[in-house]
Amino acid sequence: MGIYIEGLIDNPNASVGLTRPVIRGGMDISGGIDISGTISQEGTDLVSSIAELNKLSGVTAVSADLNLVSGLVAAGVGLVKVATVTVDCSGGGIAETEDIVTLPAGTVILELTTYCSEAFDGDTTKSFEVGIEGNTDKYIDPVDCPVTLAGVMSMMAGTNNDQKVPEVLAAETAIIATWTNTAEMTEGTVVVKVIYC
């Protein structure tokens, strides 16, 4: 379909592209308008609610995609994060520590796991635990974290740890790992994961 402008275009079947059209009066569009291309206006923001976005059939979007929509605020949407630290315990020592992650007040710790990816050598006093300063086995107790063989330990499945359920942090908290081996140790690796939002 074309737009015929009498006196300006000799061919009534010609098409005209208008940069910033202004239409005064009326327009007969009973025959339809072809908008197969893209309609856009530079500098004009599109604002949509969640309900309106849900009307887009067949659209699948992850949180990262939604975050690209400028100005869109989705209430109640929180991203679950995972802090992963591989702790090299091969040096041995008494009550050696390593910082895992420091979380701000209001953070919810959903779960904490350890995985002994390399068994500890050395004497029988070797141990590994995860907690906080002043309570080093709060999340993972040495009894529940055998380090002589590889295996996964979950905070919620622990029997001797103090914290077995999700926790809301009242203040900024540093999660630390502590390990001990009084003999000279040359092998030992544990992967710690803190799952939080």
N, C-alpha and C. Protein backbone atom coordinates (compact mmCIF):
# COMPACT_ATOMS: atom_id res chain seq x y z
N MET A 1 0.85 -1.18 0.00
CA MET A 1 0.00 0.00 0.00
C MET A 1 0.89 1.23 0.00
N GLY A 2 0.58 2.22 -0.81
CA GLY A 2 1.34 3.44 -0.85
C GLY A 2 0.54 4.61 -0.32
N ILE A 3 1.18 5.73 -0.22
CA ILE A 3 0.52 6.97 0.18
C ILE A 3 0.62 7.92 -1.01
N TYR A 4 -0.50 8.37 -1.47
CA TYR A 4 -0.53 9.26 -2.64
C TYR A 4 -0.68 10.69 -2.16
N ILE A 5 0.28 11.52 -2.49
CA ILE A 5 0.23 12.92 -2.13
C ILE A 5 0.08 13.74 -3.40
N GLU A 6 -1.11 14.21 -3.59
CA GLU A 6 -1.43 14.93 -4.83
C GLU A 6 -0.58 16.19 -4.94
N GLY A 7 -0.02 16.39 -6.09
CA GLY A 7 0.78 17.58 -6.33
C GLY A 7 2.25 17.39 -5.99
N LEU A 8 2.56 16.32 -5.22
CA LEU A 8 3.95 16.08 -4.85
C LEU A 8 4.51 14.82 -5.48
N ILE A 9 3.66 13.83 -5.66
CA ILE A 9 4.10 12.58 -6.26
C ILE A 9 3.22 12.29 -7.46
N ASP A 10 3.86 12.07 -8.61
CA ASP A 10 3.09 11.84 -9.84
C ASP A 10 2.52 10.44 -9.88
N ASN A 11 3.19 9.48 -9.25
CA ASN A 11 2.76 8.08 -9.33
C ASN A 11 1.88 7.75 -8.13
N PRO A 12 0.59 7.51 -8.33
CA PRO A 12 -0.30 7.21 -7.19
C PRO A 12 0.01 5.88 -6.52
N ASN A 13 0.84 5.04 -7.13
CA ASN A 13 1.20 3.74 -6.55
C ASN A 13 2.56 3.79 -5.83
N ALA A 14 3.16 4.98 -5.76
CA ALA A 14 4.47 5.09 -5.12
C ALA A 14 4.33 4.99 -3.60
N SER A 15 5.42 4.60 -2.95
CA SER A 15 5.48 4.53 -1.49
C SER A 15 6.33 5.67 -0.98
N VAL A 16 5.95 6.21 0.17
CA VAL A 16 6.68 7.34 0.74
C VAL A 16 7.12 6.98 2.14
N GLY A 17 8.39 7.23 2.49
CA GLY A 17 8.87 7.05 3.86
C GLY A 17 8.94 8.41 4.53
N LEU A 18 8.20 8.57 5.60
CA LEU A 18 8.15 9.85 6.30
C LEU A 18 8.95 9.76 7.59
N THR A 19 9.88 10.70 7.80
CA THR A 19 10.75 10.66 8.96
C THR A 19 10.00 10.93 10.25
N ARG A 20 9.29 12.01 10.33
CA ARG A 20 8.50 12.36 11.51
C ARG A 20 7.11 12.80 11.03
N PRO A 21 6.26 11.84 10.68
CA PRO A 21 4.96 12.20 10.09
C PRO A 21 4.04 12.88 11.10
N VAL A 22 3.34 13.85 10.61
CA VAL A 22 2.28 14.51 11.39
C VAL A 22 1.01 14.41 10.57
N ILE A 23 0.01 13.78 11.13
CA ILE A 23 -1.24 13.57 10.40
C ILE A 23 -2.32 14.41 11.06
N ARG A 24 -2.85 15.35 10.34
CA ARG A 24 -3.93 16.19 10.84
C ARG A 24 -5.23 15.79 10.14
N GLY A 25 -6.28 15.83 10.88
CA GLY A 25 -7.54 15.43 10.29
C GLY A 25 -7.73 13.94 10.44
N GLY A 26 -8.22 13.29 9.42
CA GLY A 26 -8.48 11.86 9.49
C GLY A 26 -7.64 11.10 8.49
N MET A 27 -7.67 9.76 8.64
CA MET A 27 -6.96 8.90 7.70
C MET A 27 -7.78 7.64 7.51
N ASP A 28 -8.00 7.28 6.26
CA ASP A 28 -8.74 6.06 5.96
C ASP A 28 -7.76 4.89 5.88
N ILE A 29 -7.84 3.97 6.86
CA ILE A 29 -6.96 2.80 6.85
C ILE A 29 -7.77 1.52 6.74
N SER A 30 -8.92 1.64 6.13
CA SER A 30 -9.80 0.46 6.00
C SER A 30 -9.15 -0.63 5.17
N GLY A 31 -8.20 -0.25 4.33
CA GLY A 31 -7.53 -1.24 3.50
C GLY A 31 -6.37 -1.92 4.20
N GLY A 32 -6.03 -1.46 5.43
CA GLY A 32 -4.93 -2.06 6.19
C GLY A 32 -3.64 -1.30 6.00
N ILE A 33 -2.73 -1.50 6.93
CA ILE A 33 -1.41 -0.87 6.87
C ILE A 33 -0.36 -1.96 7.03
N ASP A 34 0.62 -1.98 6.17
CA ASP A 34 1.69 -2.96 6.25
C ASP A 34 2.75 -2.45 7.21
N ILE A 35 2.92 -3.13 8.37
CA ILE A 35 3.95 -2.74 9.34
C ILE A 35 4.90 -3.91 9.58
N SER A 36 5.23 -4.59 8.48
CA SER A 36 6.10 -5.76 8.59
C SER A 36 7.52 -5.39 9.03
N GLY A 37 7.88 -4.14 8.89
CA GLY A 37 9.20 -3.71 9.32
C GLY A 37 9.20 -3.42 10.81
N THR A 38 10.08 -2.53 11.23
CA THR A 38 10.21 -2.16 12.64
C THR A 38 9.68 -0.76 12.86
N ILE A 39 8.88 -0.61 13.90
CA ILE A 39 8.39 0.71 14.28
C ILE A 39 9.16 1.13 15.52
N SER A 40 9.82 2.25 15.47
CA SER A 40 10.56 2.71 16.62
C SER A 40 10.63 4.23 16.62
N GLN A 41 10.90 4.77 17.79
CA GLN A 41 11.08 6.21 17.91
C GLN A 41 12.26 6.44 18.83
N GLU A 42 13.35 6.96 18.33
CA GLU A 42 14.54 7.19 19.12
C GLU A 42 14.23 8.12 20.28
N GLY A 43 14.68 7.73 21.47
CA GLY A 43 14.48 8.56 22.64
C GLY A 43 13.17 8.32 23.36
N THR A 44 12.36 7.43 22.83
CA THR A 44 11.07 7.13 23.46
C THR A 44 11.17 5.81 24.22
N ASP A 45 10.90 5.82 25.52
CA ASP A 45 10.96 4.61 26.34
C ASP A 45 9.65 3.84 26.26
N LEU A 46 9.78 2.52 26.24
CA LEU A 46 8.61 1.66 26.30
C LEU A 46 8.47 1.17 27.73
N VAL A 47 7.30 1.31 28.32
CA VAL A 47 7.05 0.92 29.69
C VAL A 47 5.99 -0.18 29.70
N SER A 48 6.32 -1.31 30.30
CA SER A 48 5.39 -2.43 30.37
C SER A 48 5.36 -2.98 31.78
N SER A 49 4.19 -3.42 32.20
CA SER A 49 4.06 -4.07 33.50
C SER A 49 4.34 -5.55 33.34
N ILE A 50 4.53 -6.26 34.48
CA ILE A 50 4.74 -7.70 34.44
C ILE A 50 3.54 -8.39 33.78
N ALA A 51 2.33 -7.94 34.09
CA ALA A 51 1.13 -8.54 33.51
C ALA A 51 1.13 -8.41 32.00
N GLU A 52 1.58 -7.25 31.52
CA GLU A 52 1.62 -7.04 30.07
C GLU A 52 2.69 -7.91 29.43
N LEU A 53 3.84 -8.03 30.10
CA LEU A 53 4.90 -8.87 29.56
C LEU A 53 4.47 -10.33 29.50
N ASN A 54 3.64 -10.75 30.46
CA ASN A 54 3.17 -12.13 30.49
C ASN A 54 2.24 -12.45 29.33
N LYS A 55 1.75 -11.42 28.66
CA LYS A 55 0.86 -11.64 27.52
C LYS A 55 1.63 -11.99 26.25
N LEU A 56 2.94 -11.87 26.30
CA LEU A 56 3.76 -12.22 25.13
C LEU A 56 3.87 -13.73 25.04
N SER A 57 3.12 -14.31 24.15
CA SER A 57 3.05 -15.76 24.03
C SER A 57 4.38 -16.35 23.59
N GLY A 58 4.79 -17.40 24.29
CA GLY A 58 5.98 -18.13 23.88
C GLY A 58 7.29 -17.50 24.28
N VAL A 59 7.26 -16.44 25.09
CA VAL A 59 8.50 -15.78 25.49
C VAL A 59 9.07 -16.45 26.74
N THR A 60 10.33 -16.81 26.69
CA THR A 60 11.01 -17.37 27.84
C THR A 60 12.18 -16.46 28.19
N ALA A 61 12.22 -15.98 29.42
CA ALA A 61 13.28 -15.06 29.82
C ALA A 61 13.82 -15.46 31.18
N VAL A 62 15.14 -15.44 31.30
CA VAL A 62 15.78 -15.67 32.59
C VAL A 62 16.00 -14.32 33.25
N SER A 63 16.41 -14.34 34.51
CA SER A 63 16.58 -13.10 35.27
C SER A 63 17.56 -12.15 34.59
N ALA A 64 18.64 -12.71 34.03
CA ALA A 64 19.64 -11.87 33.37
C ALA A 64 19.02 -11.10 32.20
N ASP A 65 18.08 -11.75 31.48
CA ASP A 65 17.42 -11.08 30.37
C ASP A 65 16.53 -9.95 30.87
N LEU A 66 15.77 -10.22 31.93
CA LEU A 66 14.87 -9.21 32.46
C LEU A 66 15.63 -8.01 32.99
N ASN A 67 16.84 -8.24 33.49
CA ASN A 67 17.64 -7.14 34.01
C ASN A 67 18.10 -6.18 32.91
N LEU A 68 18.01 -6.62 31.66
CA LEU A 68 18.39 -5.76 30.55
C LEU A 68 17.29 -4.78 30.19
N VAL A 69 16.09 -4.99 30.72
CA VAL A 69 14.97 -4.09 30.44
C VAL A 69 15.08 -2.88 31.37
N SER A 70 15.47 -1.76 30.82
CA SER A 70 15.72 -0.57 31.64
C SER A 70 14.46 -0.10 32.33
N GLY A 71 14.58 0.13 33.63
CA GLY A 71 13.47 0.69 34.39
C GLY A 71 12.47 -0.33 34.88
N LEU A 72 12.65 -1.60 34.55
CA LEU A 72 11.70 -2.62 34.99
C LEU A 72 12.08 -3.10 36.38
N VAL A 73 11.15 -3.01 37.30
CA VAL A 73 11.36 -3.48 38.66
C VAL A 73 10.36 -4.59 38.94
N ALA A 74 10.86 -5.79 39.20
CA ALA A 74 9.99 -6.92 39.49
C ALA A 74 10.05 -7.22 40.98
N ALA A 75 8.97 -6.94 41.69
CA ALA A 75 8.94 -7.14 43.13
C ALA A 75 9.00 -8.63 43.46
N GLY A 76 9.75 -8.95 44.51
CA GLY A 76 9.78 -10.33 44.99
C GLY A 76 10.71 -11.24 44.23
N VAL A 77 11.47 -10.71 43.26
CA VAL A 77 12.39 -11.54 42.50
C VAL A 77 13.79 -11.42 43.10
N GLY A 78 14.32 -12.52 43.62
CA GLY A 78 15.65 -12.51 44.19
C GLY A 78 16.51 -13.55 43.52
N LEU A 79 17.76 -13.23 43.29
CA LEU A 79 18.65 -14.16 42.60
C LEU A 79 19.41 -15.00 43.62
N VAL A 80 19.42 -16.30 43.42
CA VAL A 80 20.19 -17.20 44.27
C VAL A 80 21.64 -17.18 43.76
N LYS A 81 22.57 -16.98 44.69
CA LYS A 81 23.98 -16.90 44.33
C LYS A 81 24.74 -18.04 45.00
N VAL A 82 25.87 -18.40 44.40
CA VAL A 82 26.72 -19.45 44.95
C VAL A 82 28.16 -18.95 45.01
N ALA A 83 28.71 -18.94 46.21
CA ALA A 83 30.13 -18.61 46.38
C ALA A 83 30.89 -19.93 46.49
N THR A 84 31.84 -20.15 45.59
CA THR A 84 32.60 -21.39 45.56
C THR A 84 34.08 -21.11 45.77
N VAL A 85 34.66 -21.79 46.76
CA VAL A 85 36.09 -21.61 47.05
C VAL A 85 36.72 -22.99 47.20
N THR A 86 37.82 -23.21 46.50
CA THR A 86 38.59 -24.45 46.64
C THR A 86 39.71 -24.19 47.64
N VAL A 87 39.65 -24.91 48.76
CA VAL A 87 40.61 -24.70 49.84
C VAL A 87 41.74 -25.73 49.75
N ASP A 88 42.95 -25.22 49.55
CA ASP A 88 44.13 -26.09 49.48
C ASP A 88 44.66 -26.29 50.91
N CYS A 89 44.52 -27.50 51.42
CA CYS A 89 44.95 -27.79 52.79
C CYS A 89 46.25 -28.57 52.83
N SER A 90 46.95 -28.64 51.72
CA SER A 90 48.12 -29.50 51.62
C SER A 90 49.27 -29.05 52.53
N GLY A 91 49.22 -27.79 52.98
CA GLY A 91 50.29 -27.31 53.84
C GLY A 91 50.19 -27.76 55.28
N GLY A 92 49.02 -28.25 55.67
CA GLY A 92 48.85 -28.70 57.05
C GLY A 92 48.87 -27.55 58.03
N GLY A 93 49.08 -27.87 59.30
CA GLY A 93 49.13 -26.85 60.33
C GLY A 93 48.03 -27.04 61.35
N ILE A 94 48.02 -26.18 62.37
CA ILE A 94 47.02 -26.24 63.43
C ILE A 94 46.07 -25.06 63.29
N ALA A 95 44.79 -25.35 63.16
CA ALA A 95 43.75 -24.32 63.04
C ALA A 95 44.06 -23.31 61.95
N GLU A 96 44.43 -23.80 60.77
CA GLU A 96 44.63 -22.94 59.62
C GLU A 96 43.25 -22.49 59.12
N THR A 97 43.13 -21.25 58.67
CA THR A 97 41.84 -20.74 58.21
C THR A 97 41.94 -20.13 56.82
N GLU A 98 40.80 -20.08 56.15
CA GLU A 98 40.70 -19.39 54.86
C GLU A 98 39.31 -18.78 54.77
N ASP A 99 39.26 -17.52 54.30
CA ASP A 99 37.98 -16.85 54.12
C ASP A 99 37.25 -17.44 52.91
N ILE A 100 35.99 -17.74 53.10
CA ILE A 100 35.17 -18.26 52.01
C ILE A 100 34.41 -17.12 51.34
N VAL A 101 33.59 -16.40 52.12
CA VAL A 101 32.84 -15.27 51.59
C VAL A 101 32.35 -14.43 52.76
N THR A 102 32.27 -13.13 52.57
CA THR A 102 31.69 -12.23 53.56
C THR A 102 30.35 -11.75 53.04
N LEU A 103 29.30 -11.98 53.82
CA LEU A 103 27.94 -11.69 53.38
C LEU A 103 27.35 -10.53 54.19
N PRO A 104 26.59 -9.65 53.54
CA PRO A 104 26.01 -8.50 54.25
C PRO A 104 24.83 -8.90 55.12
N ALA A 105 24.47 -8.01 56.04
CA ALA A 105 23.29 -8.23 56.88
C ALA A 105 22.06 -8.38 56.01
N GLY A 106 21.16 -9.27 56.41
CA GLY A 106 19.94 -9.51 55.65
C GLY A 106 20.05 -10.65 54.65
N THR A 107 21.27 -11.13 54.41
CA THR A 107 21.46 -12.26 53.50
C THR A 107 20.86 -13.52 54.10
N VAL A 108 20.24 -14.34 53.25
CA VAL A 108 19.72 -15.63 53.68
C VAL A 108 20.65 -16.73 53.18
N ILE A 109 21.27 -17.45 54.12
CA ILE A 109 22.07 -18.61 53.75
C ILE A 109 21.12 -19.79 53.57
N LEU A 110 21.01 -20.27 52.35
CA LEU A 110 20.08 -21.35 52.04
C LEU A 110 20.69 -22.72 52.31
N GLU A 111 21.98 -22.85 52.00
CA GLU A 111 22.66 -24.14 52.16
C GLU A 111 24.16 -23.90 52.08
N LEU A 112 24.90 -24.82 52.65
CA LEU A 112 26.36 -24.78 52.58
C LEU A 112 26.85 -26.21 52.44
N THR A 113 27.73 -26.44 51.49
CA THR A 113 28.23 -27.80 51.26
C THR A 113 29.75 -27.81 51.19
N THR A 114 30.31 -28.96 51.51
CA THR A 114 31.74 -29.19 51.32
C THR A 114 31.92 -30.46 50.50
N TYR A 115 32.96 -30.46 49.70
CA TYR A 115 33.29 -31.65 48.91
C TYR A 115 34.79 -31.87 48.99
N CYS A 116 35.20 -32.97 49.59
CA CYS A 116 36.62 -33.29 49.70
C CYS A 116 37.06 -33.90 48.36
N SER A 117 37.68 -33.07 47.54
CA SER A 117 38.07 -33.53 46.20
C SER A 117 39.41 -34.26 46.21
N GLU A 118 40.20 -34.04 47.27
CA GLU A 118 41.46 -34.76 47.44
C GLU A 118 41.61 -35.11 48.91
N ALA A 119 41.70 -36.42 49.20
CA ALA A 119 41.78 -36.86 50.59
C ALA A 119 43.03 -36.32 51.28
N PHE A 120 42.90 -36.05 52.58
CA PHE A 120 44.03 -35.55 53.37
C PHE A 120 44.96 -36.70 53.71
N ASP A 121 46.25 -36.45 53.65
CA ASP A 121 47.21 -37.41 54.20
C ASP A 121 47.66 -36.87 55.57
N GLY A 122 48.66 -37.48 56.15
CA GLY A 122 49.12 -37.02 57.46
C GLY A 122 48.60 -37.91 58.58
N ASP A 123 48.55 -37.37 59.79
CA ASP A 123 48.17 -38.20 60.94
C ASP A 123 46.64 -38.24 61.12
N THR A 124 46.23 -38.86 62.23
CA THR A 124 44.80 -39.08 62.46
C THR A 124 44.07 -37.87 63.02
N THR A 125 44.79 -36.79 63.30
CA THR A 125 44.13 -35.62 63.89
C THR A 125 43.57 -34.66 62.84
N LYS A 126 43.70 -35.01 61.58
CA LYS A 126 43.26 -34.10 60.52
C LYS A 126 41.75 -33.86 60.59
N SER A 127 41.34 -32.61 60.31
CA SER A 127 39.92 -32.25 60.35
C SER A 127 39.67 -31.04 59.47
N PHE A 128 38.40 -30.83 59.14
CA PHE A 128 37.99 -29.68 58.32
C PHE A 128 36.60 -29.25 58.77
N GLU A 129 36.40 -27.95 58.94
CA GLU A 129 35.10 -27.44 59.37
C GLU A 129 34.84 -26.07 58.75
N VAL A 130 33.57 -25.67 58.74
CA VAL A 130 33.19 -24.37 58.18
C VAL A 130 32.26 -23.68 59.15
N GLY A 131 32.55 -22.42 59.42
CA GLY A 131 31.71 -21.67 60.34
C GLY A 131 32.06 -20.20 60.31
N ILE A 132 32.06 -19.59 61.51
CA ILE A 132 32.39 -18.19 61.65
C ILE A 132 33.39 -18.03 62.79
N GLU A 133 33.95 -16.87 62.93
CA GLU A 133 34.87 -16.63 64.03
C GLU A 133 34.13 -16.81 65.36
N GLY A 134 34.69 -17.60 66.24
CA GLY A 134 34.06 -17.88 67.52
C GLY A 134 33.16 -19.11 67.51
N ASN A 135 32.83 -19.60 66.32
CA ASN A 135 32.03 -20.83 66.18
C ASN A 135 32.40 -21.47 64.85
N THR A 136 33.60 -22.05 64.82
CA THR A 136 34.19 -22.49 63.56
C THR A 136 33.52 -23.72 62.95
N ASP A 137 32.64 -24.41 63.71
CA ASP A 137 31.92 -25.56 63.14
C ASP A 137 30.43 -25.29 63.05
N LYS A 138 30.04 -24.02 62.94
CA LYS A 138 28.62 -23.67 62.92
C LYS A 138 27.88 -24.35 61.76
N TYR A 139 28.48 -24.38 60.59
CA TYR A 139 27.80 -24.91 59.40
C TYR A 139 28.22 -26.33 59.05
N ILE A 140 29.49 -26.63 59.16
CA ILE A 140 30.00 -27.98 58.87
C ILE A 140 30.92 -28.39 60.02
N ASP A 141 30.57 -29.46 60.70
CA ASP A 141 31.35 -29.97 61.82
C ASP A 141 32.37 -30.99 61.32
N PRO A 142 33.56 -31.07 61.94
CA PRO A 142 34.56 -32.05 61.50
C PRO A 142 34.04 -33.49 61.50
N VAL A 143 33.18 -33.82 62.46
CA VAL A 143 32.63 -35.18 62.51
C VAL A 143 31.84 -35.50 61.25
N ASP A 144 31.17 -34.49 60.72
CA ASP A 144 30.33 -34.69 59.54
C ASP A 144 31.07 -34.47 58.23
N CYS A 145 32.34 -34.16 58.31
CA CYS A 145 33.12 -33.87 57.11
C CYS A 145 34.38 -34.72 57.08
N PRO A 146 34.25 -36.01 56.80
CA PRO A 146 35.44 -36.87 56.74
C PRO A 146 36.36 -36.43 55.61
N VAL A 147 37.63 -36.33 55.89
CA VAL A 147 38.57 -35.84 54.88
C VAL A 147 39.56 -36.93 54.44
N THR A 148 39.29 -38.17 54.85
CA THR A 148 40.16 -39.25 54.42
C THR A 148 39.71 -39.83 53.09
N LEU A 149 38.52 -39.42 52.63
CA LEU A 149 38.04 -39.87 51.32
C LEU A 149 37.13 -38.79 50.75
N ALA A 150 36.97 -38.82 49.43
CA ALA A 150 36.16 -37.80 48.77
C ALA A 150 34.68 -38.03 49.05
N GLY A 151 33.96 -36.95 49.22
CA GLY A 151 32.53 -37.05 49.45
C GLY A 151 31.92 -35.69 49.71
N VAL A 152 30.60 -35.58 49.52
CA VAL A 152 29.89 -34.32 49.69
C VAL A 152 29.18 -34.28 51.03
N MET A 153 29.31 -33.16 51.73
CA MET A 153 28.61 -32.97 53.00
C MET A 153 27.72 -31.74 52.90
N SER A 154 26.48 -31.85 53.32
CA SER A 154 25.54 -30.75 53.29
C SER A 154 25.28 -30.23 54.70
N MET A 155 25.18 -28.92 54.84
CA MET A 155 24.87 -28.31 56.13
C MET A 155 23.59 -28.89 56.73
N MET A 156 22.56 -29.03 55.90
CA MET A 156 21.26 -29.47 56.38
C MET A 156 21.25 -30.95 56.76
N ALA A 157 22.23 -31.69 56.27
CA ALA A 157 22.28 -33.12 56.59
C ALA A 157 23.23 -33.40 57.76
N GLY A 158 23.81 -32.35 58.32
CA GLY A 158 24.78 -32.52 59.40
C GLY A 158 24.14 -33.00 60.70
N THR A 159 24.95 -33.61 61.55
CA THR A 159 24.47 -34.09 62.84
C THR A 159 25.09 -33.33 64.00
N ASN A 160 26.27 -32.73 63.81
CA ASN A 160 26.97 -32.05 64.89
C ASN A 160 27.12 -30.54 64.67
N ASN A 161 26.79 -30.08 63.48
CA ASN A 161 26.87 -28.64 63.23
C ASN A 161 25.72 -27.91 63.95
N ASP A 162 25.93 -26.64 64.26
CA ASP A 162 24.93 -25.87 64.99
C ASP A 162 23.79 -25.38 64.10
N GLN A 163 24.11 -25.05 62.86
CA GLN A 163 23.10 -24.49 61.95
C GLN A 163 22.69 -25.53 60.92
N LYS A 164 21.44 -25.98 60.99
CA LYS A 164 20.98 -27.04 60.08
C LYS A 164 19.87 -26.58 59.15
N VAL A 165 19.43 -25.34 59.31
CA VAL A 165 18.33 -24.81 58.48
C VAL A 165 18.77 -23.46 57.92
N PRO A 166 18.07 -22.96 56.89
CA PRO A 166 18.42 -21.64 56.35
C PRO A 166 18.43 -20.57 57.44
N GLU A 167 19.30 -19.58 57.25
CA GLU A 167 19.52 -18.57 58.28
C GLU A 167 19.56 -17.18 57.67
N VAL A 168 18.90 -16.23 58.34
CA VAL A 168 18.98 -14.82 57.94
C VAL A 168 20.05 -14.17 58.80
N LEU A 169 21.04 -13.57 58.17
CA LEU A 169 22.15 -12.96 58.90
C LEU A 169 21.74 -11.60 59.47
N ALA A 170 21.93 -11.43 60.77
CA ALA A 170 21.57 -10.18 61.43
C ALA A 170 22.62 -9.10 61.21
N ALA A 171 23.83 -9.50 60.89
CA ALA A 171 24.92 -8.55 60.68
C ALA A 171 25.84 -9.10 59.60
N GLU A 172 26.72 -8.26 59.10
CA GLU A 172 27.72 -8.72 58.12
C GLU A 172 28.52 -9.87 58.73
N THR A 173 28.66 -10.94 57.97
CA THR A 173 29.26 -12.16 58.51
C THR A 173 30.29 -12.74 57.54
N ALA A 174 31.44 -13.07 58.07
CA ALA A 174 32.49 -13.73 57.28
C ALA A 174 32.42 -15.23 57.52
N ILE A 175 32.24 -15.98 56.45
CA ILE A 175 32.23 -17.45 56.53
C ILE A 175 33.67 -17.92 56.33
N ILE A 176 34.15 -18.77 57.24
CA ILE A 176 35.54 -19.21 57.16
C ILE A 176 35.63 -20.74 57.23
N ALA A 177 36.68 -21.26 56.64
CA ALA A 177 36.99 -22.69 56.74
C ALA A 177 38.21 -22.83 57.65
N THR A 178 38.19 -23.87 58.48
CA THR A 178 39.30 -24.12 59.41
C THR A 178 39.70 -25.58 59.30
N TRP A 179 41.00 -25.85 59.19
CA TRP A 179 41.44 -27.23 59.13
C TRP A 179 42.67 -27.43 60.00
N THR A 180 42.85 -28.66 60.43
CA THR A 180 43.94 -28.99 61.34
C THR A 180 44.61 -30.29 60.94
N ASN A 181 45.93 -30.33 61.04
CA ASN A 181 46.70 -31.56 60.88
C ASN A 181 48.04 -31.33 61.54
N THR A 182 48.28 -31.99 62.64
CA THR A 182 49.50 -31.72 63.40
C THR A 182 50.75 -32.30 62.74
N ALA A 183 50.58 -33.28 61.86
CA ALA A 183 51.73 -33.81 61.13
C ALA A 183 51.89 -33.04 59.82
N GLU A 184 53.04 -33.22 59.18
CA GLU A 184 53.25 -32.54 57.91
C GLU A 184 52.34 -33.15 56.86
N MET A 185 51.44 -32.33 56.30
CA MET A 185 50.47 -32.82 55.33
C MET A 185 50.86 -32.32 53.94
N THR A 186 50.78 -33.19 52.96
CA THR A 186 51.15 -32.81 51.59
C THR A 186 49.98 -32.86 50.62
N GLU A 187 48.86 -33.44 51.05
CA GLU A 187 47.69 -33.55 50.18
C GLU A 187 46.43 -33.20 50.98
N GLY A 188 45.47 -32.63 50.27
CA GLY A 188 44.20 -32.31 50.90
C GLY A 188 43.54 -31.10 50.26
N THR A 189 42.36 -31.31 49.67
CA THR A 189 41.63 -30.22 49.03
C THR A 189 40.14 -30.38 49.31
N VAL A 190 39.50 -29.27 49.68
CA VAL A 190 38.06 -29.27 49.93
C VAL A 190 37.42 -28.09 49.17
N VAL A 191 36.33 -28.39 48.47
CA VAL A 191 35.57 -27.34 47.77
C VAL A 191 34.39 -26.95 48.65
N VAL A 192 34.30 -25.68 48.95
CA VAL A 192 33.22 -25.16 49.79
C VAL A 192 32.28 -24.33 48.94
N LYS A 193 30.98 -24.58 49.07
CA LYS A 193 29.96 -23.80 48.36
C LYS A 193 28.98 -23.21 49.37
N VAL A 194 28.78 -21.90 49.29
CA VAL A 194 27.78 -21.22 50.10
C VAL A 194 26.68 -20.75 49.15
N ILE A 195 25.46 -21.24 49.38
CA ILE A 195 24.32 -20.91 48.53
C ILE A 195 23.45 -19.92 49.29
N TYR A 196 23.23 -18.74 48.72
CA TYR A 196 22.54 -17.69 49.47
C TYR A 196 21.77 -16.76 48.53
N CYS A 197 20.94 -15.92 49.13
CA CYS A 197 20.20 -14.92 48.35
C CYS A 197 19.98 -13.69 49.20
